[in-house]
N, C-alpha and C. Protein backbone atom coordinates (compact mmCIF):
# COMPACT_ATOMS: atom_id res chain seq x y z
N MET A 1 19.61 -9.26 -14.58
CA MET A 1 20.91 -9.66 -14.06
C MET A 1 21.74 -8.44 -13.67
N LEU A 2 21.67 -7.41 -14.50
CA LEU A 2 22.43 -6.20 -14.22
C LEU A 2 21.94 -5.53 -12.94
N PHE A 3 20.63 -5.59 -12.70
CA PHE A 3 20.07 -4.99 -11.49
C PHE A 3 20.63 -5.67 -10.24
N ILE A 4 20.71 -6.99 -10.25
CA ILE A 4 21.24 -7.73 -9.10
C ILE A 4 22.71 -7.40 -8.88
N VAL A 5 23.46 -7.30 -9.95
CA VAL A 5 24.87 -6.95 -9.84
C VAL A 5 25.04 -5.55 -9.28
N SER A 6 24.18 -4.62 -9.71
CA SER A 6 24.29 -3.24 -9.21
C SER A 6 23.93 -3.17 -7.74
N LEU A 7 23.09 -4.07 -7.26
CA LEU A 7 22.79 -4.09 -5.83
C LEU A 7 24.03 -4.44 -5.02
N TYR A 8 24.81 -5.39 -5.49
CA TYR A 8 26.02 -5.77 -4.76
C TYR A 8 27.11 -4.70 -4.88
N VAL A 9 27.17 -4.02 -6.01
CA VAL A 9 28.16 -2.97 -6.19
C VAL A 9 27.86 -1.79 -5.28
N ASP A 10 26.57 -1.46 -5.11
CA ASP A 10 26.19 -0.32 -4.27
C ASP A 10 26.09 -0.66 -2.79
N LEU A 11 26.45 -1.87 -2.44
CA LEU A 11 26.44 -2.34 -1.05
C LEU A 11 25.05 -2.26 -0.42
N VAL A 12 24.04 -2.64 -1.19
CA VAL A 12 22.68 -2.73 -0.69
C VAL A 12 22.42 -4.17 -0.31
N TYR A 13 21.84 -4.39 0.86
CA TYR A 13 21.53 -5.75 1.28
C TYR A 13 20.25 -6.19 0.57
N SER A 14 20.39 -6.96 -0.49
CA SER A 14 19.23 -7.34 -1.28
C SER A 14 18.30 -8.28 -0.53
N PHE A 15 18.79 -9.03 0.45
CA PHE A 15 17.94 -9.93 1.20
C PHE A 15 17.07 -9.18 2.20
N VAL A 16 17.40 -7.94 2.50
CA VAL A 16 16.62 -7.13 3.43
C VAL A 16 15.50 -6.39 2.71
N MET A 17 15.67 -6.11 1.44
CA MET A 17 14.70 -5.33 0.68
C MET A 17 13.42 -6.13 0.45
N VAL A 18 12.29 -5.45 0.52
CA VAL A 18 11.00 -6.07 0.23
C VAL A 18 10.74 -5.92 -1.27
N SER A 19 10.23 -6.96 -1.87
CA SER A 19 9.97 -6.97 -3.31
C SER A 19 8.96 -5.89 -3.68
N PRO A 20 9.25 -5.11 -4.73
CA PRO A 20 8.27 -4.11 -5.19
C PRO A 20 6.96 -4.74 -5.64
N ILE A 21 7.02 -5.97 -6.12
CA ILE A 21 5.79 -6.65 -6.53
C ILE A 21 4.93 -6.95 -5.31
N LYS A 22 5.57 -7.32 -4.20
CA LYS A 22 4.82 -7.58 -2.97
C LYS A 22 4.19 -6.29 -2.46
N LYS A 23 4.93 -5.18 -2.51
CA LYS A 23 4.38 -3.91 -2.08
C LYS A 23 3.17 -3.52 -2.93
N PHE A 24 3.32 -3.63 -4.26
CA PHE A 24 2.22 -3.27 -5.16
C PHE A 24 1.00 -4.15 -4.91
N THR A 25 1.23 -5.44 -4.70
CA THR A 25 0.12 -6.36 -4.46
C THR A 25 -0.61 -6.02 -3.17
N MET A 26 0.13 -5.75 -2.11
CA MET A 26 -0.50 -5.43 -0.84
C MET A 26 -1.23 -4.09 -0.90
N VAL A 27 -0.65 -3.09 -1.59
CA VAL A 27 -1.35 -1.81 -1.76
C VAL A 27 -2.64 -2.03 -2.53
N PHE A 28 -2.58 -2.83 -3.59
CA PHE A 28 -3.76 -3.09 -4.41
C PHE A 28 -4.85 -3.80 -3.60
N ILE A 29 -4.46 -4.79 -2.79
CA ILE A 29 -5.43 -5.52 -1.97
C ILE A 29 -6.08 -4.61 -0.94
N TRP A 30 -5.28 -3.84 -0.21
CA TRP A 30 -5.86 -2.99 0.84
C TRP A 30 -6.65 -1.83 0.27
N MET A 31 -6.27 -1.33 -0.90
CA MET A 31 -7.09 -0.30 -1.55
C MET A 31 -8.43 -0.88 -1.96
N GLY A 32 -8.44 -2.12 -2.43
CA GLY A 32 -9.69 -2.79 -2.79
C GLY A 32 -10.59 -3.01 -1.58
N ILE A 33 -9.99 -3.42 -0.47
CA ILE A 33 -10.76 -3.61 0.76
C ILE A 33 -11.34 -2.29 1.23
N SER A 34 -10.55 -1.25 1.18
CA SER A 34 -11.01 0.07 1.59
C SER A 34 -12.15 0.57 0.70
N ALA A 35 -12.00 0.40 -0.60
CA ALA A 35 -13.04 0.83 -1.53
C ALA A 35 -14.32 0.02 -1.34
N ALA A 36 -14.18 -1.28 -1.13
CA ALA A 36 -15.36 -2.12 -0.91
C ALA A 36 -16.08 -1.74 0.37
N LEU A 37 -15.32 -1.40 1.40
CA LEU A 37 -15.92 -0.98 2.66
C LEU A 37 -16.71 0.32 2.49
N VAL A 38 -16.14 1.26 1.78
CA VAL A 38 -16.84 2.54 1.55
C VAL A 38 -18.09 2.31 0.71
N LEU A 39 -18.00 1.50 -0.32
CA LEU A 39 -19.18 1.23 -1.15
C LEU A 39 -20.25 0.47 -0.36
N TRP A 40 -19.84 -0.41 0.54
CA TRP A 40 -20.79 -1.12 1.38
C TRP A 40 -21.49 -0.15 2.33
N ILE A 41 -20.73 0.75 2.95
CA ILE A 41 -21.32 1.76 3.84
C ILE A 41 -22.26 2.67 3.05
N TYR A 42 -21.86 3.03 1.83
CA TYR A 42 -22.70 3.87 0.97
C TYR A 42 -24.03 3.20 0.66
N SER A 43 -24.00 1.93 0.35
CA SER A 43 -25.24 1.24 0.02
C SER A 43 -26.08 0.93 1.26
N LEU A 44 -25.45 0.71 2.38
CA LEU A 44 -26.16 0.36 3.60
C LEU A 44 -26.85 1.56 4.23
N PHE A 45 -26.14 2.68 4.34
CA PHE A 45 -26.68 3.86 5.03
C PHE A 45 -27.20 4.94 4.09
N ASN A 46 -27.02 4.77 2.78
CA ASN A 46 -27.50 5.72 1.78
C ASN A 46 -26.99 7.14 2.08
N ILE A 47 -25.69 7.27 2.27
CA ILE A 47 -25.08 8.57 2.53
C ILE A 47 -24.98 9.36 1.21
N PRO A 48 -24.86 10.68 1.28
CA PRO A 48 -24.76 11.48 0.05
C PRO A 48 -23.50 11.15 -0.75
N ASP A 49 -23.57 11.40 -2.05
CA ASP A 49 -22.44 11.11 -2.93
C ASP A 49 -21.19 11.91 -2.55
N GLU A 50 -21.39 13.13 -2.09
CA GLU A 50 -20.24 13.96 -1.73
C GLU A 50 -19.47 13.37 -0.56
N VAL A 51 -20.17 12.84 0.41
CA VAL A 51 -19.53 12.23 1.57
C VAL A 51 -18.87 10.91 1.17
N ALA A 52 -19.56 10.13 0.36
CA ALA A 52 -19.01 8.84 -0.08
C ALA A 52 -17.74 9.04 -0.89
N GLY A 53 -17.71 10.06 -1.75
CA GLY A 53 -16.52 10.34 -2.55
C GLY A 53 -15.32 10.71 -1.70
N VAL A 54 -15.58 11.55 -0.70
CA VAL A 54 -14.49 11.95 0.20
C VAL A 54 -14.00 10.74 1.00
N LEU A 55 -14.93 9.93 1.51
CA LEU A 55 -14.53 8.73 2.24
C LEU A 55 -13.74 7.76 1.36
N TYR A 56 -14.16 7.66 0.10
CA TYR A 56 -13.50 6.77 -0.84
C TYR A 56 -12.03 7.16 -1.03
N PHE A 57 -11.79 8.43 -1.32
CA PHE A 57 -10.42 8.88 -1.56
C PHE A 57 -9.58 8.90 -0.28
N ILE A 58 -10.18 9.25 0.83
CA ILE A 58 -9.44 9.21 2.10
C ILE A 58 -9.09 7.77 2.46
N GLY A 59 -10.03 6.85 2.25
CA GLY A 59 -9.78 5.44 2.56
C GLY A 59 -8.68 4.85 1.69
N ILE A 60 -8.71 5.16 0.40
CA ILE A 60 -7.67 4.66 -0.49
C ILE A 60 -6.31 5.26 -0.13
N GLY A 61 -6.29 6.54 0.19
CA GLY A 61 -5.04 7.18 0.60
C GLY A 61 -4.48 6.60 1.87
N MET A 62 -5.35 6.34 2.84
CA MET A 62 -4.89 5.74 4.09
C MET A 62 -4.38 4.32 3.87
N ALA A 63 -5.02 3.57 3.00
CA ALA A 63 -4.57 2.21 2.72
C ALA A 63 -3.19 2.21 2.07
N ALA A 64 -3.02 3.06 1.07
CA ALA A 64 -1.72 3.12 0.38
C ALA A 64 -0.62 3.61 1.32
N THR A 65 -0.90 4.64 2.09
CA THR A 65 0.09 5.18 3.01
C THR A 65 0.44 4.17 4.10
N GLY A 66 -0.57 3.49 4.61
CA GLY A 66 -0.33 2.50 5.66
C GLY A 66 0.56 1.36 5.20
N VAL A 67 0.29 0.84 4.01
CA VAL A 67 1.11 -0.27 3.49
C VAL A 67 2.54 0.19 3.23
N LEU A 68 2.70 1.35 2.58
CA LEU A 68 4.05 1.82 2.27
C LEU A 68 4.84 2.15 3.53
N ASN A 69 4.19 2.74 4.52
CA ASN A 69 4.88 3.01 5.79
C ASN A 69 5.23 1.73 6.53
N TYR A 70 4.36 0.74 6.46
CA TYR A 70 4.62 -0.54 7.11
C TYR A 70 5.89 -1.18 6.53
N TYR A 71 5.98 -1.22 5.22
CA TYR A 71 7.15 -1.86 4.61
C TYR A 71 8.40 -1.00 4.75
N ARG A 72 8.25 0.31 4.83
CA ARG A 72 9.43 1.16 5.07
C ARG A 72 9.96 0.90 6.47
N GLU A 73 9.09 0.82 7.46
CA GLU A 73 9.51 0.52 8.84
C GLU A 73 10.12 -0.88 8.93
N GLU A 74 9.56 -1.83 8.18
CA GLU A 74 10.09 -3.19 8.20
C GLU A 74 11.50 -3.22 7.64
N GLU A 75 11.75 -2.46 6.57
CA GLU A 75 13.09 -2.42 5.98
C GLU A 75 14.07 -1.71 6.90
N ILE A 76 13.62 -0.66 7.57
CA ILE A 76 14.51 0.09 8.47
C ILE A 76 14.86 -0.75 9.69
N SER A 77 13.87 -1.44 10.26
CA SER A 77 14.12 -2.19 11.49
C SER A 77 14.95 -3.45 11.26
N SER A 78 15.00 -3.94 10.02
CA SER A 78 15.75 -5.17 9.78
C SER A 78 17.21 -4.92 9.44
N LYS A 79 17.63 -3.67 9.44
CA LYS A 79 19.04 -3.36 9.12
C LYS A 79 19.92 -3.56 10.33
């Protein structure tokens, strides 16, 4: 309750903000899809572990960055 009151005191439009739970859920889903894709490519083409590890971390980073940038742009454009 205090959090909602502080939003109105600080003049933040609470209806414009995206829920942190939604952001976390979408990051988690897209990171899972990215990891599954890398593991599928690893098993299909039998690439070396070093390449698969790099692809895994790059894919997860791109998924997290993409989701967070998407919701940041959505919040900025709706103001």
